[in-house]
Amino acid sequence: MKEFIETLKSCGYDAHFVKTKEEAFDLSKTYIKSNMSVGLGGSETVKEIGLLDYLVNKKDITLHNQYEAGISISLGFPHSDIV
């Protein structure tokens, strides 16, 4: 895993390894700044670590939340129409 993290870093990614969902949540929060626009593209991990609830309740950011009622990643097309 260490080699993989170093490879990601060498490609310009800010990669980290954490052992628990609590560590992942705490690390994720450090990237969210006031007046920031945050988009969610769909992630079970975001929900599982508690980050989704945190973002929904954070009033000093603009959240583009695909989980919000009326928003769909399918762009209005039934899933069977997506190629």
C-alpha atoms as a PDB file:
ATOM      1  CA  MET A   1       0.000   0.000   0.000  1.00  0.00           C
ATOM      2  CA  LYS A   2       2.877   2.365   0.800  1.00  0.00           C
ATOM      3  CA  GLU A   3       4.265   1.963  -2.732  1.00  0.00           C
ATOM      4  CA  PHE A   4       0.824   2.653  -4.215  1.00  0.00           C
ATOM      5  CA  ILE A   5       0.447   5.839  -2.137  1.00  0.00           C
ATOM      6  CA  GLU A   6       3.903   7.002  -3.245  1.00  0.00           C
ATOM      7  CA  THR A   7       3.016   6.324  -6.891  1.00  0.00           C
ATOM      8  CA  LEU A   8      -0.146   8.418  -6.561  1.00  0.00           C
ATOM      9  CA  LYS A   9       1.844  11.231  -4.936  1.00  0.00           C
ATOM     10  CA  SER A  10       4.427  11.123  -7.731  1.00  0.00           C
ATOM     11  CA  CYS A  11       1.543  11.646 -10.188  1.00  0.00           C
ATOM     12  CA  GLY A  12       0.413  14.769  -8.349  1.00  0.00           C
ATOM     13  CA  TYR A  13      -2.293  13.283  -6.134  1.00  0.00           C
ATOM     14  CA  ASP A  14      -2.530  14.184  -2.453  1.00  0.00           C
ATOM     15  CA  ALA A  15      -2.912  10.556  -1.360  1.00  0.00           C
ATOM     16  CA  HIS A  16      -3.268   9.356   2.223  1.00  0.00           C
ATOM     17  CA  PHE A  17      -3.840   6.013   3.920  1.00  0.00           C
ATOM     18  CA  VAL A  18      -6.143   5.824   6.925  1.00  0.00           C
ATOM     19  CA  LYS A  19      -7.151   2.812   8.985  1.00  0.00           C
ATOM     20  CA  THR A  20     -10.614   3.784  10.208  1.00  0.00           C
ATOM     21  CA  LYS A  21     -13.682   5.581   8.936  1.00  0.00           C
ATOM     22  CA  GLU A  22     -13.200   8.108  11.721  1.00  0.00           C
ATOM     23  CA  GLU A  23      -9.730   8.926  10.406  1.00  0.00           C
ATOM     24  CA  ALA A  24     -11.129   9.194   6.879  1.00  0.00           C
ATOM     25  CA  PHE A  25     -13.861  11.558   8.083  1.00  0.00           C
ATOM     26  CA  ASP A  26     -11.429  13.751  10.018  1.00  0.00           C
ATOM     27  CA  LEU A  27      -9.003  13.929   7.080  1.00  0.00           C
ATOM     28  CA  SER A  28     -11.807  14.712   4.629  1.00  0.00           C
ATOM     29  CA  LYS A  29     -13.010  17.621   6.764  1.00  0.00           C
ATOM     30  CA  THR A  30      -9.598  19.287   6.512  1.00  0.00           C
ATOM     31  CA  TYR A  31     -10.181  19.786   2.778  1.00  0.00           C
ATOM     32  CA  ILE A  32     -13.566  21.524   3.164  1.00  0.00           C
ATOM     33  CA  LYS A  33     -13.174  25.292   3.509  1.00  0.00           C
ATOM     34  CA  SER A  34     -15.718  28.094   4.004  1.00  0.00           C
ATOM     35  CA  ASN A  35     -17.263  29.498   0.808  1.00  0.00           C
ATOM     36  CA  MET A  36     -16.158  26.421  -1.104  1.00  0.00           C
ATOM     37  CA  SER A  37     -18.291  24.697  -3.740  1.00  0.00           C
ATOM     38  CA  VAL A  38     -18.411  20.937  -3.140  1.00  0.00           C
ATOM     39  CA  GLY A  39     -19.790  18.403  -5.612  1.00  0.00           C
ATOM     40  CA  LEU A  40     -20.706  14.820  -4.883  1.00  0.00           C
ATOM     41  CA  GLY A  41     -20.618  12.353  -7.749  1.00  0.00           C
ATOM     42  CA  GLY A  42     -21.913   9.389  -5.824  1.00  0.00           C
ATOM     43  CA  SER A  43     -20.015   7.456  -3.196  1.00  0.00           C
ATOM     44  CA  GLU A  44     -21.117   4.966  -0.599  1.00  0.00           C
ATOM     45  CA  THR A  45     -17.956   5.789   1.344  1.00  0.00           C
ATOM     46  CA  VAL A  46     -18.999   9.447   1.648  1.00  0.00           C
ATOM     47  CA  LYS A  47     -22.220   8.269   3.289  1.00  0.00           C
ATOM     48  CA  GLU A  48     -20.627   5.534   5.401  1.00  0.00           C
ATOM     49  CA  ILE A  49     -17.983   7.748   7.028  1.00  0.00           C
ATOM     50  CA  GLY A  50     -20.526  10.479   7.864  1.00  0.00           C
ATOM     51  CA  LEU A  51     -19.185  13.025   5.400  1.00  0.00           C
ATOM     52  CA  LEU A  52     -22.497  13.380   3.544  1.00  0.00           C
ATOM     53  CA  ASP A  53     -24.367  14.395   6.709  1.00  0.00           C
ATOM     54  CA  TYR A  54     -21.546  16.759   7.623  1.00  0.00           C
ATOM     55  CA  LEU A  55     -21.660  18.464   4.212  1.00  0.00           C
ATOM     56  CA  VAL A  56     -25.456  18.696   4.126  1.00  0.00           C
ATOM     57  CA  ASN A  57     -25.424  20.466   7.487  1.00  0.00           C
ATOM     58  CA  LYS A  58     -22.446  22.739   6.743  1.00  0.00           C
ATOM     59  CA  LYS A  59     -24.058  26.093   5.943  1.00  0.00           C
ATOM     60  CA  ASP A  60     -20.940  27.979   4.782  1.00  0.00           C
ATOM     61  CA  ILE A  61     -20.402  25.925   1.603  1.00  0.00           C
ATOM     62  CA  THR A  62     -22.297  25.400  -1.649  1.00  0.00           C
ATOM     63  CA  LEU A  63     -23.134  21.716  -1.931  1.00  0.00           C
ATOM     64  CA  HIS A  64     -23.983  20.083  -5.259  1.00  0.00           C
ATOM     65  CA  ASN A  65     -25.533  16.938  -3.866  1.00  0.00           C
ATOM     66  CA  GLN A  66     -26.650  14.176  -6.216  1.00  0.00           C
ATOM     67  CA  TYR A  67     -28.491  12.558  -3.299  1.00  0.00           C
ATOM     68  CA  GLU A  68     -30.808  15.567  -2.999  1.00  0.00           C
ATOM     69  CA  ALA A  69     -34.392  14.993  -4.151  1.00  0.00           C
ATOM     70  CA  GLY A  70     -34.831  15.920  -7.809  1.00  0.00           C
ATOM     71  CA  ILE A  71     -31.168  15.578  -8.790  1.00  0.00           C
ATOM     72  CA  SER A  72     -30.098  12.622 -10.915  1.00  0.00           C
ATOM     73  CA  ILE A  73     -26.801  11.540 -12.423  1.00  0.00           C
ATOM     74  CA  SER A  74     -28.742  10.102 -15.356  1.00  0.00           C
ATOM     75  CA  LEU A  75     -29.400  13.613 -16.728  1.00  0.00           C
ATOM     76  CA  GLY A  76     -33.117  12.946 -16.875  1.00  0.00           C
ATOM     77  CA  PHE A  77     -32.870   9.745 -18.914  1.00  0.00           C
ATOM     78  CA  PRO A  78     -33.984   6.358 -17.626  1.00  0.00           C
ATOM     79  CA  HIS A  79     -30.986   4.200 -16.737  1.00  0.00           C
ATOM     80  CA  SER A  80     -31.794   1.815 -19.579  1.00  0.00           C
ATOM     81  CA  ASP A  81     -31.157   4.669 -22.072  1.00  0.00           C
ATOM     82  CA  ILE A  82     -27.607   5.336 -20.856  1.00  0.00           C
ATOM     83  CA  VAL A  83     -24.972   3.714 -23.054  1.00  0.00           C
END
